[in-house]
Amino acid sequence: MNALDRLNGLPPPAAELEFLKCCGSTNWARRMVEQRPFVDLPDLLNKADQNWNSLAAADWLEAFRSHPKIGEKKAEQTQSATARAWSELEQAGTRDSALQTMRELAEGNREYEQRFEFIFIVCASGKTANEMLATLRERLRNEPETELHTAAEEQRKITELRLRKMVLGLGS
């Protein structure tokens, strides 16, 4: 049985937990459970995007809280071991960064959170700490409504990567 068939066959509570590993929005996870079975990966990804884009801002903010800040390991909300491992892999670009860059990221995270009232979300996979810092500084110039939608798009990208990992068995 492949991973998609397994996901389609899980009891609803177990399937919801699997989806929450990919995106911390409870409403998104519930909607995904309700839309099973998925025919294939493109069907799964399409429904994931549709559900994400139909959510309220409060649902987006809930998902953001399930991520650690860039350069940190612990999220505000409890994460599953899988989600924690995926976050660490996604933020691998910060592992060997200069101390000064990490300090600037921490300061940028604080400034961002004060300005927008949610953490800086970026699809960090494949990005260096310096690239993430430059993105953070650039996005600090956004208006709050623009930034909320920018952050939501970054969360959508993260969710897609994690759904692919879950279904294709990539990463930990």
Protein backbone atom coordinates (compact mmCIF):
# COMPACT_ATOMS: atom_id res chain seq x y z
CA MET A 1 0.00 0.00 0.00
CA ASN A 2 1.43 3.38 -0.95
CA ALA A 3 1.41 6.40 1.37
CA LEU A 4 -1.53 8.08 -0.38
CA ASP A 5 -3.68 4.94 -0.08
CA ARG A 6 -2.69 4.70 3.58
CA LEU A 7 -3.64 8.36 4.13
CA ASN A 8 -6.96 7.85 2.36
CA GLY A 9 -7.73 4.85 4.59
CA LEU A 10 -6.84 6.28 7.98
CA PRO A 11 -9.63 6.89 10.50
CA PRO A 12 -10.49 10.63 10.57
CA PRO A 13 -8.67 11.47 13.85
CA ALA A 14 -5.47 9.78 12.65
CA ALA A 15 -5.70 11.43 9.23
CA GLU A 16 -6.17 14.83 10.87
CA LEU A 17 -2.99 14.29 12.90
CA GLU A 18 -1.11 13.46 9.69
CA PHE A 19 -2.33 16.64 8.02
CA LEU A 20 -1.44 18.72 11.07
CA LYS A 21 2.17 17.63 10.58
CA CYS A 22 2.06 19.49 7.27
CA CYS A 23 0.07 22.55 8.34
CA GLY A 24 -0.89 23.63 11.84
CA SER A 25 -4.36 24.92 10.95
CA THR A 26 -7.00 22.70 12.54
CA ASN A 27 -9.68 23.84 10.08
CA TRP A 28 -7.41 23.10 7.12
CA ALA A 29 -6.61 19.63 8.47
CA ARG A 30 -10.31 18.86 9.04
CA ARG A 31 -11.22 19.97 5.54
CA MET A 32 -8.49 17.77 4.10
CA VAL A 33 -9.84 14.78 6.02
CA GLU A 34 -13.34 15.48 4.69
CA GLN A 35 -12.13 15.64 1.08
CA ARG A 36 -10.58 12.20 1.01
CA PRO A 37 -10.04 10.04 -0.91
CA PHE A 38 -7.41 11.75 -3.05
CA VAL A 39 -6.86 10.28 -6.50
CA ASP A 40 -3.19 11.17 -6.73
CA LEU A 41 -0.61 13.68 -5.53
CA PRO A 42 -1.79 16.49 -7.85
CA ASP A 43 -5.35 16.02 -6.55
CA LEU A 44 -4.09 16.18 -2.95
CA LEU A 45 -2.03 19.32 -3.63
CA ASN A 46 -4.86 21.02 -5.51
CA LYS A 47 -7.32 20.42 -2.67
CA ALA A 48 -4.72 21.52 -0.13
CA ASP A 49 -4.31 24.83 -1.97
CA GLN A 50 -8.05 25.34 -2.36
CA ASN A 51 -8.62 24.69 1.33
CA TRP A 52 -5.75 26.93 2.39
CA ASN A 53 -6.88 29.81 0.21
CA SER A 54 -10.45 29.59 1.54
CA LEU A 55 -9.47 29.89 5.22
CA ALA A 56 -9.87 32.93 7.44
CA ALA A 57 -6.89 34.93 8.68
CA ALA A 58 -7.31 33.35 12.15
CA ASP A 59 -6.68 29.92 10.61
CA TRP A 60 -3.54 31.19 8.89
CA LEU A 61 -2.30 32.64 12.18
CA GLU A 62 -2.94 29.30 13.90
CA ALA A 63 -0.76 27.59 11.28
CA PHE A 64 2.01 30.18 11.71
CA ARG A 65 2.14 29.45 15.46
CA SER A 66 3.05 25.83 14.71
CA HIS A 67 6.44 26.92 13.33
CA PRO A 68 9.57 27.83 15.22
CA LYS A 69 10.97 31.26 14.48
CA ILE A 70 13.71 31.23 11.85
CA GLY A 71 16.89 30.24 13.66
CA GLU A 72 15.03 28.67 16.60
CA LYS A 73 13.90 25.11 17.28
CA LYS A 74 10.71 25.45 19.33
CA ALA A 75 7.33 26.58 18.00
CA GLU A 76 4.74 28.47 20.07
CA GLN A 77 2.27 25.58 19.61
CA THR A 78 3.15 21.96 20.20
CA GLN A 79 4.53 20.24 17.11
CA SER A 80 4.68 16.55 16.30
CA ALA A 81 8.12 14.97 16.14
CA THR A 82 7.76 14.77 12.36
CA ALA A 83 6.88 18.46 12.02
CA ARG A 84 9.81 19.36 14.30
CA ALA A 85 12.19 17.29 12.18
CA TRP A 86 10.86 18.84 8.98
CA SER A 87 11.30 22.35 10.45
CA GLU A 88 14.90 21.57 11.33
CA LEU A 89 15.59 20.28 7.82
CA GLU A 90 13.86 23.28 6.25
CA GLN A 91 15.94 25.66 8.34
CA ALA A 92 19.21 23.84 7.68
CA GLY A 93 20.56 27.03 6.11
CA THR A 94 20.86 28.57 9.57
CA ARG A 95 22.94 25.76 11.11
CA ASP A 96 26.40 26.97 10.19
CA SER A 97 25.64 30.67 10.00
CA ALA A 98 27.81 33.35 11.51
CA LEU A 99 26.84 34.40 15.00
CA GLN A 100 26.27 37.96 13.79
CA THR A 101 23.79 36.74 11.16
CA MET A 102 21.91 34.73 13.77
CA ARG A 103 21.78 37.79 16.07
CA GLU A 104 20.42 39.88 13.21
CA LEU A 105 17.81 37.21 12.44
CA ALA A 106 16.75 37.15 16.11
CA GLU A 107 16.48 40.96 16.16
CA GLY A 108 14.64 40.94 12.83
CA ASN A 109 12.23 38.30 14.16
CA ARG A 110 11.47 40.52 17.17
CA GLU A 111 10.93 43.60 15.00
CA TYR A 112 8.76 41.64 12.58
CA GLU A 113 6.62 40.20 15.36
CA GLN A 114 6.13 43.65 16.90
CA ARG A 115 5.12 45.11 13.55
CA PHE A 116 2.82 42.33 12.30
CA GLU A 117 1.85 40.45 15.50
CA PHE A 118 2.82 37.05 14.09
CA ILE A 119 6.13 35.33 13.44
CA PHE A 120 8.13 35.67 10.24
CA ILE A 121 7.17 32.76 7.98
CA VAL A 122 9.31 31.90 4.99
CA CYS A 123 9.68 28.69 3.03
CA ALA A 124 13.26 28.22 4.22
CA SER A 125 14.15 25.07 2.26
CA GLY A 126 17.32 25.65 0.28
CA LYS A 127 17.84 29.18 1.62
CA THR A 128 20.85 30.38 3.57
CA ALA A 129 20.52 32.40 6.75
CA ASN A 130 21.69 35.48 4.85
CA GLU A 131 18.99 34.96 2.21
CA MET A 132 16.33 34.58 4.90
CA LEU A 133 17.61 37.71 6.67
CA ALA A 134 17.43 39.69 3.42
CA THR A 135 13.87 38.45 2.84
CA LEU A 136 12.88 39.34 6.39
CA ARG A 137 14.26 42.88 6.00
CA GLU A 138 12.50 43.32 2.68
CA ARG A 139 9.17 42.08 4.03
CA LEU A 140 9.36 44.41 7.05
CA ARG A 141 8.53 47.18 4.54
CA ASN A 142 5.18 45.60 3.65
CA GLU A 143 1.84 46.89 4.85
CA PRO A 144 0.24 44.52 7.41
CA GLU A 145 -2.48 43.20 5.06
CA THR A 146 0.05 42.58 2.28
CA GLU A 147 2.38 40.83 4.69
CA LEU A 148 -0.35 38.57 6.03
CA HIS A 149 -1.03 37.35 2.48
CA THR A 150 2.71 37.02 1.75
CA ALA A 151 3.18 34.93 4.90
CA ALA A 152 0.14 32.82 3.99
CA GLU A 153 1.68 32.10 0.58
CA GLU A 154 4.93 31.05 2.26
CA GLN A 155 2.92 28.72 4.55
CA ARG A 156 1.21 27.28 1.46
CA LYS A 157 4.64 26.49 -0.03
CA ILE A 158 5.78 24.85 3.22
CA THR A 159 2.59 22.78 3.34
CA GLU A 160 3.11 21.62 -0.24
CA LEU A 161 6.69 20.53 0.50
CA ARG A 162 5.56 18.61 3.56
CA LEU A 163 2.65 16.93 1.76
CA ARG A 164 5.11 15.80 -0.91
CA LYS A 165 7.45 14.43 1.79
CA MET A 166 4.56 12.62 3.46
CA VAL A 167 3.22 11.05 0.26
CA LEU A 168 6.51 10.43 -1.52
CA GLY A 169 8.42 9.42 1.62
CA LEU A 170 11.11 12.08 1.20
CA GLY A 171 13.07 13.40 4.16
CA SER A 172 12.43 12.39 7.73
